[in-house]
Amino acid sequence: MSEYVNLLIHHGGKWDSPKEKKKYVGGHVLKKDKVDIDYVSKFELEGYAADLGYTNGVKMWFRRFSIRELCGPVNLQEIVCDKDVQDMLVCNIMDPHIELYFVANTSKKRVV
């Protein structure tokens, strides 16, 4: 039997404050309902980003549910590998929606 999550993907915005007090401004929110957790991976999330127009890569964060009410947006974790995605699913098991934040990857890689 499959389990499902609902994703709220904030995209098209940016972080407008220092790392300690991140505030996501601008953009839109895409709601993806009933996503099978067996198929949630970093690769899958990058696919959602590509569908939203992120062609040069994306940086992704999720909001940890456990102490969200106490800490607000500071309680974010960057997604850099599939272990982070698994952490996201475990941390948000009691939340009806998982909040994700996509920001265009602006780091320039030097080609030699």
PDB file of N, CA and C in Angstrom:
ATOM      1  N   MET A   1       0.835  -1.178   0.000  1.00  0.00           N
ATOM      2  CA  MET A   1       0.000   0.000   0.000  1.00  0.00           C
ATOM      3  C   MET A   1       0.887   1.252   0.000  1.00  0.00           C
ATOM      4  N   SER A   2       0.583   2.153  -0.880  1.00  0.00           N
ATOM      5  CA  SER A   2       1.373   3.378  -1.007  1.00  0.00           C
ATOM      6  C   SER A   2       0.913   4.436  -0.014  1.00  0.00           C
ATOM      7  N   GLU A   3       1.870   5.280   0.368  1.00  0.00           N
ATOM      8  CA  GLU A   3       1.567   6.456   1.180  1.00  0.00           C
ATOM      9  C   GLU A   3       1.822   7.680   0.320  1.00  0.00           C
ATOM     10  N   TYR A   4       1.074   8.735   0.602  1.00  0.00           N
ATOM     11  CA  TYR A   4       1.153   9.933  -0.220  1.00  0.00           C
ATOM     12  C   TYR A   4       1.414  11.170   0.640  1.00  0.00           C
ATOM     13  N   VAL A   5       2.013  12.174   0.000  1.00  0.00           N
ATOM     14  CA  VAL A   5       2.213  13.478   0.631  1.00  0.00           C
ATOM     15  C   VAL A   5       1.708  14.551  -0.324  1.00  0.00           C
ATOM     16  N   ASN A   6       1.437  15.707   0.232  1.00  0.00           N
ATOM     17  CA  ASN A   6       1.080  16.878  -0.568  1.00  0.00           C
ATOM     18  C   ASN A   6       2.245  17.853  -0.491  1.00  0.00           C
ATOM     19  N   LEU A   7       2.646  18.384  -1.630  1.00  0.00           N
ATOM     20  CA  LEU A   7       3.774  19.306  -1.683  1.00  0.00           C
ATOM     21  C   LEU A   7       3.294  20.714  -2.014  1.00  0.00           C
ATOM     22  N   LEU A   8       3.812  21.690  -1.297  1.00  0.00           N
ATOM     23  CA  LEU A   8       3.608  23.104  -1.623  1.00  0.00           C
ATOM     24  C   LEU A   8       4.967  23.623  -2.068  1.00  0.00           C
ATOM     25  N   ILE A   9       5.117  23.862  -3.362  1.00  0.00           N
ATOM     26  CA  ILE A   9       6.409  24.260  -3.919  1.00  0.00           C
ATOM     27  C   ILE A   9       6.408  25.763  -4.173  1.00  0.00           C
ATOM     28  N   HIS A  10       7.184  26.481  -3.367  1.00  0.00           N
ATOM     29  CA  HIS A  10       7.366  27.923  -3.552  1.00  0.00           C
ATOM     30  C   HIS A  10       8.455  28.090  -4.613  1.00  0.00           C
ATOM     31  N   HIS A  11       8.145  28.802  -5.692  1.00  0.00           N
ATOM     32  CA  HIS A  11       9.113  28.939  -6.790  1.00  0.00           C
ATOM     33  C   HIS A  11       9.019  30.329  -7.403  1.00  0.00           C
ATOM     34  N   GLY A  12      10.105  30.725  -8.063  1.00  0.00           N
ATOM     35  CA  GLY A  12      10.125  32.030  -8.721  1.00  0.00           C
ATOM     36  C   GLY A  12      10.468  33.181  -7.792  1.00  0.00           C
ATOM     37  N   GLY A  13      10.715  32.890  -6.533  1.00  0.00           N
ATOM     38  CA  GLY A  13      11.069  33.920  -5.561  1.00  0.00           C
ATOM     39  C   GLY A  13      12.540  33.838  -5.205  1.00  0.00           C
ATOM     40  N   LYS A  14      12.879  34.496  -4.104  1.00  0.00           N
ATOM     41  CA  LYS A  14      14.275  34.480  -3.656  1.00  0.00           C
ATOM     42  C   LYS A  14      14.313  34.692  -2.152  1.00  0.00           C
ATOM     43  N   TRP A  15      15.474  34.432  -1.560  1.00  0.00           N
ATOM     44  CA  TRP A  15      15.685  34.704  -0.142  1.00  0.00           C
ATOM     45  C   TRP A  15      16.056  36.168  -0.010  1.00  0.00           C
ATOM     46  N   ASP A  16      15.371  36.875   0.869  1.00  0.00           N
ATOM     47  CA  ASP A  16      15.572  38.313   0.994  1.00  0.00           C
ATOM     48  C   ASP A  16      16.102  38.717   2.362  1.00  0.00           C
ATOM     49  N   SER A  17      16.796  37.835   3.014  1.00  0.00           N
ATOM     50  CA  SER A  17      17.333  38.181   4.323  1.00  0.00           C
ATOM     51  C   SER A  17      18.501  37.271   4.658  1.00  0.00           C
ATOM     52  N   PRO A  18      19.216  37.603   5.710  1.00  0.00           N
ATOM     53  CA  PRO A  18      20.379  36.797   6.084  1.00  0.00           C
ATOM     54  C   PRO A  18      20.017  35.346   6.373  1.00  0.00           C
ATOM     55  N   LYS A  19      21.014  34.512   6.319  1.00  0.00           N
ATOM     56  CA  LYS A  19      20.828  33.077   6.499  1.00  0.00           C
ATOM     57  C   LYS A  19      20.054  32.730   7.776  1.00  0.00           C
ATOM     58  N   GLU A  20      20.326  33.425   8.856  1.00  0.00           N
ATOM     59  CA  GLU A  20      19.702  33.090  10.133  1.00  0.00           C
ATOM     60  C   GLU A  20      18.196  33.369  10.149  1.00  0.00           C
ATOM     61  N   LYS A  21      17.743  34.320   9.359  1.00  0.00           N
ATOM     62  CA  LYS A  21      16.323  34.688   9.358  1.00  0.00           C
ATOM     63  C   LYS A  21      15.798  34.721   7.932  1.00  0.00           C
ATOM     64  N   LYS A  22      15.938  33.619   7.231  1.00  0.00           N
ATOM     65  CA  LYS A  22      15.539  33.579   5.828  1.00  0.00           C
ATOM     66  C   LYS A  22      14.069  33.923   5.654  1.00  0.00           C
ATOM     67  N   LYS A  23      13.817  34.750   4.652  1.00  0.00           N
ATOM     68  CA  LYS A  23      12.447  35.095   4.283  1.00  0.00           C
ATOM     69  C   LYS A  23      12.353  34.960   2.766  1.00  0.00           C
ATOM     70  N   TYR A  24      11.426  34.109   2.305  1.00  0.00           N
ATOM     71  CA  TYR A  24      11.239  33.880   0.880  1.00  0.00           C
ATOM     72  C   TYR A  24      10.242  34.908   0.368  1.00  0.00           C
ATOM     73  N   VAL A  25      10.646  35.686  -0.623  1.00  0.00           N
ATOM     74  CA  VAL A  25       9.767  36.733  -1.143  1.00  0.00           C
ATOM     75  C   VAL A  25       9.533  36.533  -2.635  1.00  0.00           C
ATOM     76  N   GLY A  26       8.350  36.949  -3.060  1.00  0.00           N
ATOM     77  CA  GLY A  26       7.999  36.869  -4.471  1.00  0.00           C
ATOM     78  C   GLY A  26       7.654  35.448  -4.885  1.00  0.00           C
ATOM     79  N   GLY A  27       7.436  35.312  -6.165  1.00  0.00           N
ATOM     80  CA  GLY A  27       7.187  33.989  -6.713  1.00  0.00           C
ATOM     81  C   GLY A  27       5.754  33.515  -6.573  1.00  0.00           C
ATOM     82  N   HIS A  28       5.620  32.218  -6.736  1.00  0.00           N
ATOM     83  CA  HIS A  28       4.315  31.566  -6.765  1.00  0.00           C
ATOM     84  C   HIS A  28       4.379  30.294  -5.926  1.00  0.00           C
ATOM     85  N   VAL A  29       3.220  29.688  -5.718  1.00  0.00           N
ATOM     86  CA  VAL A  29       3.162  28.415  -5.006  1.00  0.00           C
ATOM     87  C   VAL A  29       2.427  27.415  -5.889  1.00  0.00           C
ATOM     88  N   LEU A  30       3.085  26.290  -6.140  1.00  0.00           N
ATOM     89  CA  LEU A  30       2.483  25.185  -6.886  1.00  0.00           C
ATOM     90  C   LEU A  30       2.119  24.096  -5.890  1.00  0.00           C
ATOM     91  N   LYS A  31       0.880  23.634  -5.951  1.00  0.00           N
ATOM     92  CA  LYS A  31       0.433  22.571  -5.059  1.00  0.00           C
ATOM     93  C   LYS A  31       0.388  21.262  -5.840  1.00  0.00           C
ATOM     94  N   LYS A  32       1.105  20.262  -5.333  1.00  0.00           N
ATOM     95  CA  LYS A  32       1.082  18.927  -5.935  1.00  0.00           C
ATOM     96  C   LYS A  32       0.496  17.984  -4.893  1.00  0.00           C
ATOM     97  N   ASP A  33      -0.707  17.526  -5.154  1.00  0.00           N
ATOM     98  CA  ASP A  33      -1.400  16.654  -4.213  1.00  0.00           C
ATOM     99  C   ASP A  33      -1.130  15.183  -4.503  1.00  0.00           C
ATOM    100  N   LYS A  34      -1.179  14.412  -3.442  1.00  0.00           N
ATOM    101  CA  LYS A  34      -1.124  12.950  -3.511  1.00  0.00           C
ATOM    102  C   LYS A  34       0.091  12.447  -4.299  1.00  0.00           C
ATOM    103  N   VAL A  35       1.277  12.869  -3.854  1.00  0.00           N
ATOM    104  CA  VAL A  35       2.532  12.416  -4.453  1.00  0.00           C
ATOM    105  C   VAL A  35       2.968  11.158  -3.697  1.00  0.00           C
ATOM    106  N   ASP A  36       3.179  10.078  -4.418  1.00  0.00           N
ATOM    107  CA  ASP A  36       3.573   8.800  -3.825  1.00  0.00           C
ATOM    108  C   ASP A  36       4.971   8.918  -3.218  1.00  0.00           C
ATOM    109  N   ILE A  37       5.105   8.645  -1.911  1.00  0.00           N
ATOM    110  CA  ILE A  37       6.406   8.817  -1.257  1.00  0.00           C
ATOM    111  C   ILE A  37       7.464   7.858  -1.793  1.00  0.00           C
ATOM    112  N   ASP A  38       7.039   6.769  -2.419  1.00  0.00           N
ATOM    113  CA  ASP A  38       8.015   5.837  -2.993  1.00  0.00           C
ATOM    114  C   ASP A  38       8.753   6.445  -4.177  1.00  0.00           C
ATOM    115  N   TYR A  39       8.225   7.519  -4.725  1.00  0.00           N
ATOM    116  CA  TYR A  39       8.846   8.151  -5.893  1.00  0.00           C
ATOM    117  C   TYR A  39       9.392   9.546  -5.595  1.00  0.00           C
ATOM    118  N   VAL A  40       9.388   9.955  -4.339  1.00  0.00           N
ATOM    119  CA  VAL A  40       9.934  11.265  -3.991  1.00  0.00           C
ATOM    120  C   VAL A  40      11.439  11.118  -3.802  1.00  0.00           C
ATOM    121  N   SER A  41      12.198  11.831  -4.638  1.00  0.00           N
ATOM    122  CA  SER A  41      13.662  11.786  -4.587  1.00  0.00           C
ATOM    123  C   SER A  41      14.191  13.149  -5.013  1.00  0.00           C
ATOM    124  N   LYS A  42      15.472  13.344  -4.827  1.00  0.00           N
ATOM    125  CA  LYS A  42      16.084  14.597  -5.279  1.00  0.00           C
ATOM    126  C   LYS A  42      15.910  14.728  -6.793  1.00  0.00           C
ATOM    127  N   PHE A  43      16.092  13.633  -7.505  1.00  0.00           N
ATOM    128  CA  PHE A  43      15.933  13.632  -8.958  1.00  0.00           C
ATOM    129  C   PHE A  43      14.511  14.053  -9.347  1.00  0.00           C
ATOM    130  N   GLU A  44      13.524  13.517  -8.658  1.00  0.00           N
ATOM    131  CA  GLU A  44      12.122  13.863  -8.936  1.00  0.00           C
ATOM    132  C   GLU A  44      11.861  15.344  -8.656  1.00  0.00           C
ATOM    133  N   LEU A  45      12.384  15.854  -7.542  1.00  0.00           N
ATOM    134  CA  LEU A  45      12.200  17.270  -7.214  1.00  0.00           C
ATOM    135  C   LEU A  45      12.878  18.163  -8.247  1.00  0.00           C
ATOM    136  N   GLU A  46      14.055  17.742  -8.728  1.00  0.00           N
ATOM    137  CA  GLU A  46      14.728  18.501  -9.786  1.00  0.00           C
ATOM    138  C   GLU A  46      13.903  18.479 -11.074  1.00  0.00           C
ATOM    139  N   GLY A  47      13.171  17.398 -11.306  1.00  0.00           N
ATOM    140  CA  GLY A  47      12.264  17.331 -12.450  1.00  0.00           C
ATOM    141  C   GLY A  47      11.133  18.341 -12.331  1.00  0.00           C
ATOM    142  N   TYR A  48      10.576  18.478 -11.124  1.00  0.00           N
ATOM    143  CA  TYR A  48       9.553  19.502 -10.902  1.00  0.00           C
ATOM    144  C   TYR A  48      10.132  20.883 -11.187  1.00  0.00           C
ATOM    145  N   ALA A  49      11.372  21.105 -10.730  1.00  0.00           N
ATOM    146  CA  ALA A  49      12.030  22.401 -10.952  1.00  0.00           C
ATOM    147  C   ALA A  49      12.211  22.664 -12.444  1.00  0.00           C
ATOM    148  N   ALA A  50      12.630  21.658 -13.183  1.00  0.00           N
ATOM    149  CA  ALA A  50      12.808  21.818 -14.631  1.00  0.00           C
ATOM    150  C   ALA A  50      11.474  22.155 -15.297  1.00  0.00           C
ATOM    151  N   ASP A  51      10.402  21.493 -14.866  1.00  0.00           N
ATOM    152  CA  ASP A  51       9.067  21.788 -15.407  1.00  0.00           C
ATOM    153  C   ASP A  51       8.643  23.228 -15.120  1.00  0.00           C
ATOM    154  N   LEU A  52       9.174  23.801 -14.038  1.00  0.00           N
ATOM    155  CA  LEU A  52       8.850  25.181 -13.661  1.00  0.00           C
ATOM    156  C   LEU A  52       9.777  26.199 -14.310  1.00  0.00           C
ATOM    157  N   GLY A  53      10.716  25.723 -15.149  1.00  0.00           N
ATOM    158  CA  GLY A  53      11.578  26.635 -15.889  1.00  0.00           C
ATOM    159  C   GLY A  53      12.971  26.826 -15.329  1.00  0.00           C
ATOM    160  N   TYR A  54      13.339  26.078 -14.319  1.00  0.00           N
ATOM    161  CA  TYR A  54      14.698  26.168 -13.778  1.00  0.00           C
ATOM    162  C   TYR A  54      15.616  25.340 -14.677  1.00  0.00           C
ATOM    163  N   THR A  55      16.253  26.013 -15.630  1.00  0.00           N
ATOM    164  CA  THR A  55      17.062  25.301 -16.623  1.00  0.00           C
ATOM    165  C   THR A  55      18.537  25.223 -16.261  1.00  0.00           C
ATOM    166  N   ASN A  56      19.004  26.083 -15.364  1.00  0.00           N
ATOM    167  CA  ASN A  56      20.423  26.086 -14.982  1.00  0.00           C
ATOM    168  C   ASN A  56      20.637  25.559 -13.574  1.00  0.00           C
ATOM    169  N   GLY A  57      19.783  24.682 -13.143  1.00  0.00           N
ATOM    170  CA  GLY A  57      19.903  24.125 -11.808  1.00  0.00           C
ATOM    171  C   GLY A  57      19.065  24.882 -10.797  1.00  0.00           C
ATOM    172  N   VAL A  58      18.890  24.257  -9.663  1.00  0.00           N
ATOM    173  CA  VAL A  58      18.037  24.826  -8.627  1.00  0.00           C
ATOM    174  C   VAL A  58      18.596  24.450  -7.259  1.00  0.00           C
ATOM    175  N   LYS A  59      18.433  25.351  -6.309  1.00  0.00           N
ATOM    176  CA  LYS A  59      18.711  25.027  -4.914  1.00  0.00           C
ATOM    177  C   LYS A  59      17.355  24.834  -4.252  1.00  0.00           C
ATOM    178  N   MET A  60      17.273  23.828  -3.387  1.00  0.00           N
ATOM    179  CA  MET A  60      15.988  23.477  -2.790  1.00  0.00           C
ATOM    180  C   MET A  60      16.116  23.379  -1.277  1.00  0.00           C
ATOM    181  N   TRP A  61      15.074  23.805  -0.596  1.00  0.00           N
ATOM    182  CA  TRP A  61      14.985  23.694   0.855  1.00  0.00           C
ATOM    183  C   TRP A  61      13.608  23.160   1.210  1.00  0.00           C
ATOM    184  N   PHE A  62      13.510  22.535   2.374  1.00  0.00           N
ATOM    185  CA  PHE A  62      12.191  22.200   2.916  1.00  0.00           C
ATOM    186  C   PHE A  62      12.103  22.746   4.331  1.00  0.00           C
ATOM    187  N   ARG A  63      10.887  23.019   4.733  1.00  0.00           N
ATOM    188  CA  ARG A  63      10.644  23.521   6.089  1.00  0.00           C
ATOM    189  C   ARG A  63      10.380  22.317   6.985  1.00  0.00           C
ATOM    190  N   ARG A  64      11.143  22.224   8.068  1.00  0.00           N
ATOM    191  CA  ARG A  64      10.975  21.132   9.024  1.00  0.00           C
ATOM    192  C   ARG A  64       9.731  21.397   9.872  1.00  0.00           C
ATOM    193  N   PHE A  65       8.858  20.422   9.953  1.00  0.00           N
ATOM    194  CA  PHE A  65       7.596  20.567  10.677  1.00  0.00           C
ATOM    195  C   PHE A  65       7.780  20.615  12.187  1.00  0.00           C
ATOM    196  N   SER A  66       8.694  19.851  12.717  1.00  0.00           N
ATOM    197  CA  SER A  66       8.765  19.578  14.151  1.00  0.00           C
ATOM    198  C   SER A  66       8.667  20.813  15.044  1.00  0.00           C
ATOM    199  N   ILE A  67       9.361  21.891  14.694  1.00  0.00           N
ATOM    200  CA  ILE A  67       9.286  23.086  15.533  1.00  0.00           C
ATOM    201  C   ILE A  67       8.968  24.333  14.706  1.00  0.00           C
ATOM    202  N   ARG A  68       8.268  24.147  13.615  1.00  0.00           N
ATOM    203  CA  ARG A  68       7.941  25.266  12.730  1.00  0.00           C
ATOM    204  C   ARG A  68       7.235  26.395  13.470  1.00  0.00           C
ATOM    205  N   GLU A  69       6.285  26.054  14.313  1.00  0.00           N
ATOM    206  CA  GLU A  69       5.520  27.093  15.004  1.00  0.00           C
ATOM    207  C   GLU A  69       6.400  27.912  15.944  1.00  0.00           C
ATOM    208  N   LEU A  70       7.443  27.309  16.472  1.00  0.00           N
ATOM    209  CA  LEU A  70       8.324  28.013  17.399  1.00  0.00           C
ATOM    210  C   LEU A  70       9.394  28.823  16.681  1.00  0.00           C
ATOM    211  N   CYS A  71       9.887  28.294  15.577  1.00  0.00           N
ATOM    212  CA  CYS A  71      11.054  28.908  14.934  1.00  0.00           C
ATOM    213  C   CYS A  71      10.743  29.639  13.640  1.00  0.00           C
ATOM    214  N   GLY A  72       9.574  29.443  13.084  1.00  0.00           N
ATOM    215  CA  GLY A  72       9.249  30.106  11.825  1.00  0.00           C
ATOM    216  C   GLY A  72      10.151  29.643  10.699  1.00  0.00           C
ATOM    217  N   PRO A  73      10.420  30.528   9.734  1.00  0.00           N
ATOM    218  CA  PRO A  73      11.145  30.127   8.533  1.00  0.00           C
ATOM    219  C   PRO A  73      12.608  29.787   8.760  1.00  0.00           C
ATOM    220  N   VAL A  74      13.134  30.061   9.976  1.00  0.00           N
ATOM    221  CA  VAL A  74      14.525  29.725  10.255  1.00  0.00           C
ATOM    222  C   VAL A  74      14.738  28.215  10.195  1.00  0.00           C
ATOM    223  N   ASN A  75      13.707  27.455  10.437  1.00  0.00           N
ATOM    224  CA  ASN A  75      13.810  26.011  10.522  1.00  0.00           C
ATOM    225  C   ASN A  75      13.752  25.365   9.143  1.00  0.00           C
ATOM    226  N   LEU A  76      14.736  25.687   8.314  1.00  0.00           N
ATOM    227  CA  LEU A  76      14.805  25.173   6.950  1.00  0.00           C
ATOM    228  C   LEU A  76      16.006  24.258   6.802  1.00  0.00           C
ATOM    229  N   GLN A  77      15.872  23.284   5.917  1.00  0.00           N
ATOM    230  CA  GLN A  77      16.996  22.403   5.616  1.00  0.00           C
ATOM    231  C   GLN A  77      17.164  22.346   4.110  1.00  0.00           C
ATOM    232  N   GLU A  78      18.388  22.558   3.653  1.00  0.00           N
ATOM    233  CA  GLU A  78      18.663  22.481   2.225  1.00  0.00           C
ATOM    234  C   GLU A  78      18.661  21.023   1.784  1.00  0.00           C
ATOM    235  N   ILE A  79      18.167  20.786   0.587  1.00  0.00           N
ATOM    236  CA  ILE A  79      18.163  19.447   0.005  1.00  0.00           C
ATOM    237  C   ILE A  79      19.348  19.353  -0.945  1.00  0.00           C
ATOM    238  N   VAL A  80      20.326  18.535  -0.578  1.00  0.00           N
ATOM    239  CA  VAL A  80      21.496  18.354  -1.438  1.00  0.00           C
ATOM    240  C   VAL A  80      21.663  16.906  -1.885  1.00  0.00           C
ATOM    241  N   CYS A  81      20.934  15.983  -1.246  1.00  0.00           N
ATOM    242  CA  CYS A  81      21.029  14.571  -1.625  1.00  0.00           C
ATOM    243  C   CYS A  81      19.726  13.865  -1.233  1.00  0.00           C
ATOM    244  N   ASP A  82      19.610  12.604  -1.616  1.00  0.00           N
ATOM    245  CA  ASP A  82      18.394  11.856  -1.318  1.00  0.00           C
ATOM    246  C   ASP A  82      18.176  11.644   0.181  1.00  0.00           C
ATOM    247  N   LYS A  83      19.249  11.618   0.967  1.00  0.00           N
ATOM    248  CA  LYS A  83      19.075  11.496   2.421  1.00  0.00           C
ATOM    249  C   LYS A  83      18.295  12.693   2.962  1.00  0.00           C
ATOM    250  N   ASP A  84      18.545  13.869   2.407  1.00  0.00           N
ATOM    251  CA  ASP A  84      17.796  15.061   2.826  1.00  0.00           C
ATOM    252  C   ASP A  84      16.317  14.923   2.480  1.00  0.00           C
ATOM    253  N   VAL A  85      16.031  14.306   1.347  1.00  0.00           N
ATOM    254  CA  VAL A  85      14.632  14.083   0.950  1.00  0.00           C
ATOM    255  C   VAL A  85      13.971  13.115   1.928  1.00  0.00           C
ATOM    256  N   GLN A  86      14.695  12.072   2.318  1.00  0.00           N
ATOM    257  CA  GLN A  86      14.151  11.136   3.307  1.00  0.00           C
ATOM    258  C   GLN A  86      13.922  11.832   4.648  1.00  0.00           C
ATOM    259  N   ASP A  87      14.861  12.690   5.051  1.00  0.00           N
ATOM    260  CA  ASP A  87      14.675  13.480   6.274  1.00  0.00           C
ATOM    261  C   ASP A  87      13.413  14.332   6.171  1.00  0.00           C
ATOM    262  N   MET A  88      13.194  14.909   5.000  1.00  0.00           N
ATOM    263  CA  MET A  88      12.016  15.740   4.766  1.00  0.00           C
ATOM    264  C   MET A  88      10.740  14.931   5.001  1.00  0.00           C
ATOM    265  N   LEU A  89      10.702  13.716   4.484  1.00  0.00           N
ATOM    266  CA  LEU A  89       9.509  12.884   4.628  1.00  0.00           C
ATOM    267  C   LEU A  89       9.288  12.481   6.087  1.00  0.00           C
ATOM    268  N   VAL A  90      10.368  12.141   6.780  1.00  0.00           N
ATOM    269  CA  VAL A  90      10.254  11.733   8.182  1.00  0.00           C
ATOM    270  C   VAL A  90       9.865  12.915   9.069  1.00  0.00           C
ATOM    271  N   CYS A  91      10.513  14.056   8.869  1.00  0.00           N
ATOM    272  CA  CYS A  91      10.248  15.239   9.706  1.00  0.00           C
ATOM    273  C   CYS A  91       8.834  15.767   9.539  1.00  0.00           C
ATOM    274  N   ASN A  92       8.245  15.512   8.410  1.00  0.00           N
ATOM    275  CA  ASN A  92       6.936  16.093   8.105  1.00  0.00           C
ATOM    276  C   ASN A  92       5.815  15.064   8.102  1.00  0.00           C
ATOM    277  N   ILE A  93       6.034  13.954   8.760  1.00  0.00           N
ATOM    278  CA  ILE A  93       5.044  12.880   8.729  1.00  0.00           C
ATOM    279  C   ILE A  93       3.691  13.303   9.311  1.00  0.00           C
ATOM    280  N   MET A  94       3.688  14.268  10.227  1.00  0.00           N
ATOM    281  CA  MET A  94       2.440  14.720  10.850  1.00  0.00           C
ATOM    282  C   MET A  94       1.821  15.929  10.146  1.00  0.00           C
ATOM    283  N   ASP A  95       2.475  16.431   9.129  1.00  0.00           N
ATOM    284  CA  ASP A  95       2.006  17.642   8.450  1.00  0.00           C
ATOM    285  C   ASP A  95       1.255  17.262   7.176  1.00  0.00           C
ATOM    286  N   PRO A  96       0.080  17.833   6.924  1.00  0.00           N
ATOM    287  CA  PRO A  96      -0.649  17.496   5.695  1.00  0.00           C
ATOM    288  C   PRO A  96       0.033  18.013   4.430  1.00  0.00           C
ATOM    289  N   HIS A  97       0.897  19.017   4.568  1.00  0.00           N
ATOM    290  CA  HIS A  97       1.602  19.566   3.410  1.00  0.00           C
ATOM    291  C   HIS A  97       3.077  19.753   3.748  1.00  0.00           C
ATOM    292  N   ILE A  98       3.930  19.428   2.791  1.00  0.00           N
ATOM    293  CA  ILE A  98       5.362  19.669   2.932  1.00  0.00           C
ATOM    294  C   ILE A  98       5.686  20.902   2.109  1.00  0.00           C
ATOM    295  N   GLU A  99       6.306  21.889   2.751  1.00  0.00           N
ATOM    296  CA  GLU A  99       6.659  23.124   2.054  1.00  0.00           C
ATOM    297  C   GLU A  99       8.077  23.039   1.519  1.00  0.00           C
ATOM    298  N   LEU A 100       8.205  23.265   0.205  1.00  0.00           N
ATOM    299  CA  LEU A 100       9.496  23.293  -0.477  1.00  0.00           C
ATOM    300  C   LEU A 100       9.734  24.688  -1.022  1.00  0.00           C
ATOM    301  N   TYR A 101      10.997  25.067  -1.094  1.00  0.00           N
ATOM    302  CA  TYR A 101      11.380  26.378  -1.622  1.00  0.00           C
ATOM    303  C   TYR A 101      12.435  26.166  -2.694  1.00  0.00           C
ATOM    304  N   PHE A 102      12.162  26.647  -3.907  1.00  0.00           N
ATOM    305  CA  PHE A 102      13.105  26.543  -5.025  1.00  0.00           C
ATOM    306  C   PHE A 102      13.674  27.926  -5.318  1.00  0.00           C
ATOM    307  N   VAL A 103      14.992  27.984  -5.498  1.00  0.00           N
ATOM    308  CA  VAL A 103      15.677  29.216  -5.883  1.00  0.00           C
ATOM    309  C   VAL A 103      16.658  28.859  -6.985  1.00  0.00           C
ATOM    310  N   ALA A 104      16.697  29.689  -8.031  1.00  0.00           N
ATOM    311  CA  ALA A 104      17.620  29.438  -9.138  1.00  0.00           C
ATOM    312  C   ALA A 104      19.049  29.375  -8.621  1.00  0.00           C
ATOM    313  N   ASN A 105      19.795  28.412  -9.123  1.00  0.00           N
ATOM    314  CA  ASN A 105      21.201  28.269  -8.753  1.00  0.00           C
ATOM    315  C   ASN A 105      22.000  29.295  -9.538  1.00  0.00           C
ATOM    316  N   THR A 106      22.515  30.295  -8.851  1.00  0.00           N
ATOM    317  CA  THR A 106      23.232  31.377  -9.530  1.00  0.00           C
ATOM    318  C   THR A 106      24.741  31.240  -9.433  1.00  0.00           C
ATOM    319  N   SER A 107      25.213  30.172  -8.795  1.00  0.00           N
ATOM    320  CA  SER A 107      26.668  30.014  -8.691  1.00  0.00           C
ATOM    321  C   SER A 107      27.244  29.724 -10.070  1.00  0.00           C
ATOM    322  N   LYS A 108      28.289  30.424 -10.389  1.00  0.00           N
ATOM    323  CA  LYS A 108      28.933  30.283 -11.696  1.00  0.00           C
ATOM    324  C   LYS A 108      30.055  29.258 -11.585  1.00  0.00           C
ATOM    325  N   LYS A 109      30.035  28.288 -12.481  1.00  0.00           N
ATOM    326  CA  LYS A 109      31.118  27.321 -12.527  1.00  0.00           C
ATOM    327  C   LYS A 109      32.104  27.752 -13.600  1.00  0.00           C
ATOM    328  N   ARG A 110      33.340  27.769 -13.220  1.00  0.00           N
ATOM    329  CA  ARG A 110      34.381  28.195 -14.150  1.00  0.00           C
ATOM    330  C   ARG A 110      34.757  27.046 -15.067  1.00  0.00           C
ATOM    331  N   VAL A 111      34.683  27.300 -16.357  1.00  0.00           N
ATOM    332  CA  VAL A 111      35.058  26.299 -17.350  1.00  0.00           C
ATOM    333  C   VAL A 111      36.473  26.598 -17.794  1.00  0.00           C
ATOM    334  N   VAL A 112      37.344  25.591 -17.712  1.00  0.00           N
ATOM    335  CA  VAL A 112      38.747  25.787 -18.080  1.00  0.00           C
ATOM    336  C   VAL A 112      39.044  25.062 -19.365  1.00  0.00           C
TER     337      VAL A 112
END
